[in-house]
Amino acid sequence: MRRSWALFVIASALAAACDGSDGTTDGGSDAALDVTLEAGADVVAEDAAEEPAIDAPVDATDAGVDAADADDAADVLVEAGSTWNTPTCNGSINFDEYGASNQTTSGAVTWYLTWDSTHLYFAVQMANLNDAAIVYVGFSGTGTTTAYQYDGTGGTLPFAADGVVYASAVTQHTRTANGDAGTWSAGNTSTVQYCTSGTTREAAVPWTALGATSLPSSFRFLGYVVGGTLAYAQIPTSNPNGIIGTNAVFAHDFFVSSTANGTGSFPFDTTE
């Protein structure tokens, strides 16, 4: 504002100097012009002195943007590959407890799934706790493609399953496949750590309870919830739901191509 005023005064003085008709007038105009120019120079000098103060907040803002960019880059680095997680089984899911990319939805139901070197973990939110959550897992290629008949549901799986988890408010157990025979072991009720709160259930299942001797390097899985004989909240969502019966064709699964810590696959990224 002061710079504009100074320029206005200078312009006015110059105009007055040009209009003068004799030496007296010119001399007065020159004097006035000198004073005005000095005043304008003072304003410009003051503005120059103030500019660092104006630039400083801008520089600080730039620094904040740079810091944010660095933080975003760090987030991308973290998200570059799945990291082992060990959720606390208590029926409550804290932010990022399973991993930011380790969840998916099916209808109104949210599924979470992650793992570490000893366990597979999954959680289900917004499904009736009296209904059973069922998860099939395959990693060896020598399991069975015949699903166990749970609560009037069953059929053909899209991969050879080595183990299955059944988890409801009434009972929780695992079964392992008897290879090419297409049969399943008796349910083992001592293998699943199970926790609930509200409409959330969590399950921690040892890899050994699913037929593995250690953490598999890769695996396939699918799941659904069944209440009565009604299947819902299926994952992947392209699998059948409703009254599917015991001859359903589960055509799709999720493929985890690597379980490596920090560089592995995210559980719901690849659908087969």
C-alpha atoms as a PDB file:
ATOM      1  CA  MET A   1       0.000   0.000   0.000  1.00  0.00           C
ATOM      2  CA  ARG A   2       2.810   2.412   0.935  1.00  0.00           C
ATOM      3  CA  ARG A   3       4.705   1.549  -2.272  1.00  0.00           C
ATOM      4  CA  SER A   4       1.604   2.401  -4.349  1.00  0.00           C
ATOM      5  CA  TRP A   5       1.206   5.716  -2.499  1.00  0.00           C
ATOM      6  CA  ALA A   6       4.864   6.566  -3.076  1.00  0.00           C
ATOM      7  CA  LEU A   7       4.585   5.837  -6.776  1.00  0.00           C
ATOM      8  CA  PHE A   8       1.464   7.991  -6.947  1.00  0.00           C
ATOM      9  CA  VAL A   9       3.262  10.886  -5.263  1.00  0.00           C
ATOM     10  CA  ILE A  10       6.279  10.486  -7.552  1.00  0.00           C
ATOM     11  CA  ALA A  11       4.075  10.439 -10.631  1.00  0.00           C
ATOM     12  CA  SER A  12       2.263  13.559  -9.421  1.00  0.00           C
ATOM     13  CA  ALA A  13       5.542  15.352  -8.791  1.00  0.00           C
ATOM     14  CA  LEU A  14       6.848  14.456 -12.229  1.00  0.00           C
ATOM     15  CA  ALA A  15       3.669  15.777 -13.789  1.00  0.00           C
ATOM     16  CA  ALA A  16       3.991  18.998 -11.851  1.00  0.00           C
ATOM     17  CA  ALA A  17       7.628  19.377 -12.890  1.00  0.00           C
ATOM     18  CA  CYS A  18       6.708  18.963 -16.542  1.00  0.00           C
ATOM     19  CA  ASP A  19       3.978  21.623 -16.278  1.00  0.00           C
ATOM     20  CA  GLY A  20       6.286  24.320 -14.797  1.00  0.00           C
ATOM     21  CA  SER A  21       6.829  27.404 -17.060  1.00  0.00           C
ATOM     22  CA  ASP A  22       9.739  29.285 -15.422  1.00  0.00           C
ATOM     23  CA  GLY A  23      12.825  28.673 -13.394  1.00  0.00           C
ATOM     24  CA  THR A  24      11.138  29.492 -10.100  1.00  0.00           C
ATOM     25  CA  THR A  25       8.441  26.957 -10.663  1.00  0.00           C
ATOM     26  CA  ASP A  26      10.936  24.407 -11.971  1.00  0.00           C
ATOM     27  CA  GLY A  27      13.183  24.933  -9.023  1.00  0.00           C
ATOM     28  CA  GLY A  28      10.329  24.392  -6.623  1.00  0.00           C
ATOM     29  CA  SER A  29       9.196  21.348  -8.531  1.00  0.00           C
ATOM     30  CA  ASP A  30      12.725  19.952  -8.565  1.00  0.00           C
ATOM     31  CA  ALA A  31      12.982  20.399  -4.838  1.00  0.00           C
ATOM     32  CA  ALA A  32       9.614  18.817  -4.299  1.00  0.00           C
ATOM     33  CA  LEU A  33      10.582  16.010  -6.651  1.00  0.00           C
ATOM     34  CA  ASP A  34      13.809  15.378  -4.753  1.00  0.00           C
ATOM     35  CA  VAL A  35      11.910  15.154  -1.480  1.00  0.00           C
ATOM     36  CA  THR A  36       9.287  12.884  -3.028  1.00  0.00           C
ATOM     37  CA  LEU A  37      11.895  10.609  -4.569  1.00  0.00           C
ATOM     38  CA  GLU A  38      13.648  10.338  -1.244  1.00  0.00           C
ATOM     39  CA  ALA A  39      10.346   9.486   0.425  1.00  0.00           C
ATOM     40  CA  GLY A  40       9.664   6.858  -2.231  1.00  0.00           C
ATOM     41  CA  ALA A  41      13.142   5.420  -1.763  1.00  0.00           C
ATOM     42  CA  ASP A  42      12.521   5.210   1.963  1.00  0.00           C
ATOM     43  CA  VAL A  43       9.273   3.280   1.399  1.00  0.00           C
ATOM     44  CA  VAL A  44      10.969   0.881  -1.020  1.00  0.00           C
ATOM     45  CA  ALA A  45      13.763   0.395   1.502  1.00  0.00           C
ATOM     46  CA  GLU A  46      11.226  -0.319   4.235  1.00  0.00           C
ATOM     47  CA  ASP A  47       9.435  -2.796   1.965  1.00  0.00           C
ATOM     48  CA  ALA A  48      12.724  -4.524   1.236  1.00  0.00           C
ATOM     49  CA  ALA A  49      13.393  -4.785   4.949  1.00  0.00           C
ATOM     50  CA  GLU A  50       9.952  -6.295   5.494  1.00  0.00           C
ATOM     51  CA  GLU A  51      10.192  -8.883   2.709  1.00  0.00           C
ATOM     52  CA  PRO A  52      12.320 -11.376   4.688  1.00  0.00           C
ATOM     53  CA  ALA A  53       9.618 -11.372   7.371  1.00  0.00           C
ATOM     54  CA  ILE A  54       6.998 -12.123   4.709  1.00  0.00           C
ATOM     55  CA  ASP A  55       9.139 -14.783   3.055  1.00  0.00           C
ATOM     56  CA  ALA A  56       9.898 -16.543   6.329  1.00  0.00           C
ATOM     57  CA  PRO A  57       6.340 -17.913   6.876  1.00  0.00           C
ATOM     58  CA  VAL A  58       6.221 -18.966   3.231  1.00  0.00           C
ATOM     59  CA  ASP A  59       9.518 -20.801   3.648  1.00  0.00           C
ATOM     60  CA  ALA A  60       8.185 -22.392   6.820  1.00  0.00           C
ATOM     61  CA  THR A  61       5.085 -23.478   4.918  1.00  0.00           C
ATOM     62  CA  ASP A  62       7.284 -24.957   2.198  1.00  0.00           C
ATOM     63  CA  ALA A  63       9.215 -26.825   4.869  1.00  0.00           C
ATOM     64  CA  GLY A  64       5.926 -28.199   6.220  1.00  0.00           C
ATOM     65  CA  VAL A  65       4.930 -29.380   2.761  1.00  0.00           C
ATOM     66  CA  ASP A  66       8.327 -31.012   2.333  1.00  0.00           C
ATOM     67  CA  ALA A  67       7.902 -32.754   5.690  1.00  0.00           C
ATOM     68  CA  ALA A  68       4.433 -33.946   4.675  1.00  0.00           C
ATOM     69  CA  ASP A  69       5.813 -35.238   1.377  1.00  0.00           C
ATOM     70  CA  ALA A  70       8.512 -37.120   3.256  1.00  0.00           C
ATOM     71  CA  ASP A  71       5.874 -38.600   5.569  1.00  0.00           C
ATOM     72  CA  ASP A  72       3.749 -39.672   2.591  1.00  0.00           C
ATOM     73  CA  ALA A  73       6.817 -41.285   1.058  1.00  0.00           C
ATOM     74  CA  ALA A  74       7.409 -43.173   4.287  1.00  0.00           C
ATOM     75  CA  ASP A  75       3.785 -44.379   4.232  1.00  0.00           C
ATOM     76  CA  VAL A  76       4.210 -45.613   0.674  1.00  0.00           C
ATOM     77  CA  LEU A  77       7.335 -47.458   1.780  1.00  0.00           C
ATOM     78  CA  VAL A  78       5.433 -49.149   4.584  1.00  0.00           C
ATOM     79  CA  GLU A  79       2.612 -50.065   2.201  1.00  0.00           C
ATOM     80  CA  ALA A  80       5.080 -51.514  -0.308  1.00  0.00           C
ATOM     81  CA  GLY A  81       4.596 -54.979   1.210  1.00  0.00           C
ATOM     82  CA  SER A  82       2.586 -56.618   3.947  1.00  0.00           C
ATOM     83  CA  THR A  83       4.095 -56.716   7.400  1.00  0.00           C
ATOM     84  CA  TRP A  84       3.498 -59.415   9.974  1.00  0.00           C
ATOM     85  CA  ASN A  85       0.913 -58.365  12.534  1.00  0.00           C
ATOM     86  CA  THR A  86       0.018 -59.962  15.858  1.00  0.00           C
ATOM     87  CA  PRO A  87      -3.415 -58.627  16.851  1.00  0.00           C
ATOM     88  CA  THR A  88      -4.581 -58.803  20.441  1.00  0.00           C
ATOM     89  CA  CYS A  89      -7.516 -61.201  20.662  1.00  0.00           C
ATOM     90  CA  ASN A  90     -10.057 -59.236  22.696  1.00  0.00           C
ATOM     91  CA  GLY A  91     -12.964 -58.524  20.352  1.00  0.00           C
ATOM     92  CA  SER A  92     -11.821 -54.937  19.847  1.00  0.00           C
ATOM     93  CA  ILE A  93      -9.995 -53.859  16.687  1.00  0.00           C
ATOM     94  CA  ASN A  94      -7.654 -50.921  17.087  1.00  0.00           C
ATOM     95  CA  PHE A  95      -6.537 -48.749  14.186  1.00  0.00           C
ATOM     96  CA  ASP A  96      -3.981 -50.573  12.043  1.00  0.00           C
ATOM     97  CA  GLU A  97      -4.002 -53.584  14.389  1.00  0.00           C
ATOM     98  CA  TYR A  98      -4.393 -55.881  11.399  1.00  0.00           C
ATOM     99  CA  GLY A  99      -2.640 -53.577   8.945  1.00  0.00           C
ATOM    100  CA  ALA A 100      -4.107 -50.704   6.944  1.00  0.00           C
ATOM    101  CA  SER A 101      -4.498 -52.804   3.775  1.00  0.00           C
ATOM    102  CA  ASN A 102      -5.641 -56.005   5.460  1.00  0.00           C
ATOM    103  CA  GLN A 103      -9.406 -55.569   5.400  1.00  0.00           C
ATOM    104  CA  THR A 104     -12.297 -55.866   2.966  1.00  0.00           C
ATOM    105  CA  THR A 105     -16.069 -55.618   3.026  1.00  0.00           C
ATOM    106  CA  SER A 106     -18.850 -57.915   1.891  1.00  0.00           C
ATOM    107  CA  GLY A 107     -22.223 -56.280   2.198  1.00  0.00           C
ATOM    108  CA  ALA A 108     -22.418 -54.722   5.668  1.00  0.00           C
ATOM    109  CA  VAL A 109     -19.757 -57.072   7.048  1.00  0.00           C
ATOM    110  CA  THR A 110     -16.061 -56.234   7.336  1.00  0.00           C
ATOM    111  CA  TRP A 111     -13.380 -58.927   7.287  1.00  0.00           C
ATOM    112  CA  TYR A 112      -9.818 -58.545   8.552  1.00  0.00           C
ATOM    113  CA  LEU A 113      -7.001 -61.007   7.954  1.00  0.00           C
ATOM    114  CA  THR A 114      -3.298 -61.061   8.752  1.00  0.00           C
ATOM    115  CA  TRP A 115      -0.578 -63.413   9.959  1.00  0.00           C
ATOM    116  CA  ASP A 116       2.774 -63.780  11.651  1.00  0.00           C
ATOM    117  CA  SER A 117       5.295 -66.614  11.838  1.00  0.00           C
ATOM    118  CA  THR A 118       3.084 -68.782  14.052  1.00  0.00           C
ATOM    119  CA  HIS A 119      -0.575 -67.846  13.492  1.00  0.00           C
ATOM    120  CA  LEU A 120      -3.226 -66.859  11.004  1.00  0.00           C
ATOM    121  CA  TYR A 121      -5.548 -64.165  12.392  1.00  0.00           C
ATOM    122  CA  PHE A 122      -8.935 -63.050  11.169  1.00  0.00           C
ATOM    123  CA  ALA A 123     -11.778 -60.930  12.448  1.00  0.00           C
ATOM    124  CA  VAL A 124     -15.364 -60.336  11.358  1.00  0.00           C
ATOM    125  CA  GLN A 125     -17.419 -57.249  12.210  1.00  0.00           C
ATOM    126  CA  MET A 126     -21.195 -56.730  11.917  1.00  0.00           C
ATOM    127  CA  ALA A 127     -22.163 -60.381  11.486  1.00  0.00           C
ATOM    128  CA  ASN A 128     -24.417 -62.179  13.965  1.00  0.00           C
ATOM    129  CA  LEU A 129     -22.144 -63.805  16.547  1.00  0.00           C
ATOM    130  CA  ASN A 130     -24.415 -66.847  16.674  1.00  0.00           C
ATOM    131  CA  ASP A 131     -23.694 -67.417  12.991  1.00  0.00           C
ATOM    132  CA  ALA A 132     -20.495 -69.231  12.064  1.00  0.00           C
ATOM    133  CA  ALA A 133     -17.568 -67.650  10.229  1.00  0.00           C
ATOM    134  CA  ILE A 134     -15.904 -70.271   8.020  1.00  0.00           C
ATOM    135  CA  VAL A 135     -12.462 -69.850   6.460  1.00  0.00           C
ATOM    136  CA  TYR A 136     -10.743 -72.348   4.126  1.00  0.00           C
ATOM    137  CA  VAL A 137      -6.960 -72.176   3.663  1.00  0.00           C
ATOM    138  CA  GLY A 138      -4.721 -74.002   1.169  1.00  0.00           C
ATOM    139  CA  PHE A 139      -0.952 -73.912   0.711  1.00  0.00           C
ATOM    140  CA  SER A 140       0.429 -77.376  -0.105  1.00  0.00           C
ATOM    141  CA  GLY A 141      -1.461 -78.187  -3.291  1.00  0.00           C
ATOM    142  CA  THR A 142      -2.237 -81.647  -1.897  1.00  0.00           C
ATOM    143  CA  GLY A 143      -5.353 -80.881   0.144  1.00  0.00           C
ATOM    144  CA  THR A 144      -8.936 -81.369  -0.957  1.00  0.00           C
ATOM    145  CA  THR A 145     -11.261 -79.370  -3.176  1.00  0.00           C
ATOM    146  CA  THR A 146     -14.312 -80.772  -1.390  1.00  0.00           C
ATOM    147  CA  ALA A 147     -15.674 -78.389   1.236  1.00  0.00           C
ATOM    148  CA  TYR A 148     -16.812 -79.739   4.584  1.00  0.00           C
ATOM    149  CA  GLN A 149     -20.605 -79.684   4.951  1.00  0.00           C
ATOM    150  CA  TYR A 150     -21.240 -77.033   7.580  1.00  0.00           C
ATOM    151  CA  ASP A 151     -24.795 -76.031   8.520  1.00  0.00           C
ATOM    152  CA  GLY A 152     -26.306 -77.143   5.229  1.00  0.00           C
ATOM    153  CA  THR A 153     -23.561 -75.560   3.124  1.00  0.00           C
ATOM    154  CA  GLY A 154     -20.715 -77.116   1.160  1.00  0.00           C
ATOM    155  CA  GLY A 155     -19.586 -77.885  -2.350  1.00  0.00           C
ATOM    156  CA  THR A 156     -16.474 -77.523  -4.484  1.00  0.00           C
ATOM    157  CA  LEU A 157     -13.550 -75.265  -3.621  1.00  0.00           C
ATOM    158  CA  PRO A 158     -11.381 -73.443  -6.214  1.00  0.00           C
ATOM    159  CA  PHE A 159      -8.158 -74.698  -4.589  1.00  0.00           C
ATOM    160  CA  ALA A 160      -6.965 -77.702  -2.627  1.00  0.00           C
ATOM    161  CA  ALA A 161      -7.674 -76.736   0.993  1.00  0.00           C
ATOM    162  CA  ASP A 162      -5.413 -77.972   3.771  1.00  0.00           C
ATOM    163  CA  GLY A 163      -7.423 -76.625   6.673  1.00  0.00           C
ATOM    164  CA  VAL A 164     -10.696 -74.985   7.644  1.00  0.00           C
ATOM    165  CA  VAL A 165     -11.749 -72.849  10.609  1.00  0.00           C
ATOM    166  CA  TYR A 166     -15.275 -72.790  12.014  1.00  0.00           C
ATOM    167  CA  ALA A 167     -15.945 -70.037  14.557  1.00  0.00           C
ATOM    168  CA  SER A 168     -19.296 -69.205  16.131  1.00  0.00           C
ATOM    169  CA  ALA A 169     -20.480 -68.232  19.603  1.00  0.00           C
ATOM    170  CA  VAL A 170     -21.376 -71.873  20.215  1.00  0.00           C
ATOM    171  CA  THR A 171     -18.242 -73.650  19.023  1.00  0.00           C
ATOM    172  CA  GLN A 172     -14.858 -73.039  17.446  1.00  0.00           C
ATOM    173  CA  HIS A 173     -12.670 -75.671  15.836  1.00  0.00           C
ATOM    174  CA  THR A 174     -10.290 -76.503  12.996  1.00  0.00           C
ATOM    175  CA  ARG A 175     -10.191 -79.470  10.642  1.00  0.00           C
ATOM    176  CA  THR A 176      -7.410 -80.656   8.347  1.00  0.00           C
ATOM    177  CA  ALA A 177      -7.863 -82.298   4.955  1.00  0.00           C
ATOM    178  CA  ASN A 178      -7.068 -85.954   4.349  1.00  0.00           C
ATOM    179  CA  GLY A 179      -5.382 -85.241   1.034  1.00  0.00           C
ATOM    180  CA  ASP A 180      -6.829 -86.644  -2.149  1.00  0.00           C
ATOM    181  CA  ALA A 181      -9.340 -88.732  -0.221  1.00  0.00           C
ATOM    182  CA  GLY A 182     -11.561 -85.666  -0.150  1.00  0.00           C
ATOM    183  CA  THR A 183     -12.355 -86.093   3.525  1.00  0.00           C
ATOM    184  CA  TRP A 184     -11.726 -84.049   6.653  1.00  0.00           C
ATOM    185  CA  SER A 185     -10.457 -84.833  10.121  1.00  0.00           C
ATOM    186  CA  ALA A 186     -12.603 -84.525  13.216  1.00  0.00           C
ATOM    187  CA  GLY A 187     -12.933 -81.016  14.563  1.00  0.00           C
ATOM    188  CA  ASN A 188     -10.216 -79.964  17.001  1.00  0.00           C
ATOM    189  CA  THR A 189     -11.813 -77.637  19.564  1.00  0.00           C
ATOM    190  CA  SER A 190      -8.576 -76.753  21.372  1.00  0.00           C
ATOM    191  CA  THR A 191      -6.829 -74.897  18.564  1.00  0.00           C
ATOM    192  CA  VAL A 192      -8.747 -71.625  18.054  1.00  0.00           C
ATOM    193  CA  GLN A 193      -8.326 -68.638  20.332  1.00  0.00           C
ATOM    194  CA  TYR A 194     -11.649 -66.855  20.009  1.00  0.00           C
ATOM    195  CA  CYS A 195     -12.741 -63.461  21.362  1.00  0.00           C
ATOM    196  CA  THR A 196     -15.895 -61.382  20.930  1.00  0.00           C
ATOM    197  CA  SER A 197     -17.260 -57.976  21.837  1.00  0.00           C
ATOM    198  CA  GLY A 198     -20.440 -56.417  20.486  1.00  0.00           C
ATOM    199  CA  THR A 199     -20.686 -57.583  16.874  1.00  0.00           C
ATOM    200  CA  THR A 200     -16.951 -58.242  16.501  1.00  0.00           C
ATOM    201  CA  ARG A 201     -15.281 -61.638  16.640  1.00  0.00           C
ATOM    202  CA  GLU A 202     -11.573 -62.368  16.395  1.00  0.00           C
ATOM    203  CA  ALA A 203      -9.818 -65.686  15.902  1.00  0.00           C
ATOM    204  CA  ALA A 204      -6.156 -66.648  16.218  1.00  0.00           C
ATOM    205  CA  VAL A 205      -5.334 -69.983  14.598  1.00  0.00           C
ATOM    206  CA  PRO A 206      -1.921 -71.705  14.692  1.00  0.00           C
ATOM    207  CA  TRP A 207      -0.603 -72.586  11.253  1.00  0.00           C
ATOM    208  CA  THR A 208       0.008 -76.084  12.585  1.00  0.00           C
ATOM    209  CA  ALA A 209      -3.733 -76.439  13.294  1.00  0.00           C
ATOM    210  CA  LEU A 210      -4.333 -75.903   9.574  1.00  0.00           C
ATOM    211  CA  GLY A 211      -1.935 -78.671   8.563  1.00  0.00           C
ATOM    212  CA  ALA A 212       1.282 -76.669   8.113  1.00  0.00           C
ATOM    213  CA  THR A 213       4.553 -77.410   9.867  1.00  0.00           C
ATOM    214  CA  SER A 214       5.508 -73.702   9.775  1.00  0.00           C
ATOM    215  CA  LEU A 215       4.446 -70.454   8.120  1.00  0.00           C
ATOM    216  CA  PRO A 216       3.650 -71.258   4.462  1.00  0.00           C
ATOM    217  CA  SER A 217       5.485 -69.138   1.904  1.00  0.00           C
ATOM    218  CA  SER A 218       2.144 -68.507   0.155  1.00  0.00           C
ATOM    219  CA  PHE A 219      -1.492 -69.542   0.560  1.00  0.00           C
ATOM    220  CA  ARG A 220      -5.026 -69.229  -0.777  1.00  0.00           C
ATOM    221  CA  PHE A 221      -8.181 -68.639   1.219  1.00  0.00           C
ATOM    222  CA  LEU A 222     -11.885 -67.871   1.074  1.00  0.00           C
ATOM    223  CA  GLY A 223     -14.581 -67.419   3.677  1.00  0.00           C
ATOM    224  CA  TYR A 224     -18.220 -66.800   4.405  1.00  0.00           C
ATOM    225  CA  VAL A 225     -20.668 -66.590   7.297  1.00  0.00           C
ATOM    226  CA  VAL A 226     -23.560 -69.010   7.675  1.00  0.00           C
ATOM    227  CA  GLY A 227     -26.677 -68.576   9.808  1.00  0.00           C
ATOM    228  CA  GLY A 228     -29.118 -71.483   9.739  1.00  0.00           C
ATOM    229  CA  THR A 229     -28.503 -72.534   6.161  1.00  0.00           C
ATOM    230  CA  LEU A 230     -28.084 -69.017   4.770  1.00  0.00           C
ATOM    231  CA  ALA A 231     -24.603 -68.082   3.545  1.00  0.00           C
ATOM    232  CA  TYR A 232     -23.649 -64.388   3.491  1.00  0.00           C
ATOM    233  CA  ALA A 233     -20.668 -62.027   3.836  1.00  0.00           C
ATOM    234  CA  GLN A 234     -18.777 -64.223   1.366  1.00  0.00           C
ATOM    235  CA  ILE A 235     -15.192 -63.343   0.423  1.00  0.00           C
ATOM    236  CA  PRO A 236     -14.446 -62.924  -2.387  1.00  0.00           C
ATOM    237  CA  THR A 237     -17.850 -61.369  -2.988  1.00  0.00           C
ATOM    238  CA  SER A 238     -18.093 -63.147  -6.367  1.00  0.00           C
ATOM    239  CA  ASN A 239     -18.681 -66.480  -4.573  1.00  0.00           C
ATOM    240  CA  PRO A 240     -22.255 -67.712  -4.027  1.00  0.00           C
ATOM    241  CA  ASN A 241     -24.452 -66.601  -1.166  1.00  0.00           C
ATOM    242  CA  GLY A 242     -27.970 -67.206   0.083  1.00  0.00           C
ATOM    243  CA  ILE A 243     -29.322 -70.765   0.314  1.00  0.00           C
ATOM    244  CA  ILE A 244     -26.336 -72.310  -1.463  1.00  0.00           C
ATOM    245  CA  GLY A 245     -26.857 -75.916  -0.331  1.00  0.00           C
ATOM    246  CA  THR A 246     -24.134 -78.544  -0.213  1.00  0.00           C
ATOM    247  CA  ASN A 247     -23.303 -78.560  -3.924  1.00  0.00           C
ATOM    248  CA  ALA A 248     -22.245 -74.946  -4.287  1.00  0.00           C
ATOM    249  CA  VAL A 249     -19.368 -74.012  -6.569  1.00  0.00           C
ATOM    250  CA  PHE A 250     -16.961 -71.629  -4.868  1.00  0.00           C
ATOM    251  CA  ALA A 251     -15.229 -70.345  -7.973  1.00  0.00           C
ATOM    252  CA  HIS A 252     -12.970 -67.663  -6.489  1.00  0.00           C
ATOM    253  CA  ASP A 253     -10.403 -67.158  -3.756  1.00  0.00           C
ATOM    254  CA  PHE A 254      -7.754 -64.702  -2.566  1.00  0.00           C
ATOM    255  CA  PHE A 255      -4.132 -65.549  -3.322  1.00  0.00           C
ATOM    256  CA  VAL A 256      -1.306 -64.442  -1.034  1.00  0.00           C
ATOM    257  CA  SER A 257       1.764 -64.994  -3.203  1.00  0.00           C
ATOM    258  CA  SER A 258       4.244 -64.182  -0.434  1.00  0.00           C
ATOM    259  CA  THR A 259       3.981 -64.171   3.356  1.00  0.00           C
ATOM    260  CA  ALA A 260       7.411 -62.539   3.822  1.00  0.00           C
ATOM    261  CA  ASN A 261       7.574 -59.958   6.582  1.00  0.00           C
ATOM    262  CA  GLY A 262       7.519 -56.430   5.145  1.00  0.00           C
ATOM    263  CA  THR A 263       7.613 -57.467   1.492  1.00  0.00           C
ATOM    264  CA  GLY A 264       4.773 -59.970   1.250  1.00  0.00           C
ATOM    265  CA  SER A 265       1.403 -59.732  -0.485  1.00  0.00           C
ATOM    266  CA  PHE A 266      -1.607 -58.019   0.983  1.00  0.00           C
ATOM    267  CA  PRO A 267      -4.347 -60.567   1.753  1.00  0.00           C
ATOM    268  CA  PHE A 268      -7.175 -59.065  -0.296  1.00  0.00           C
ATOM    269  CA  ASP A 269      -5.210 -57.673  -3.250  1.00  0.00           C
ATOM    270  CA  THR A 270      -5.274 -60.663  -5.630  1.00  0.00           C
ATOM    271  CA  THR A 271      -8.522 -62.429  -6.474  1.00  0.00           C
ATOM    272  CA  GLU A 272      -8.394 -65.643  -8.483  1.00  0.00           C
END
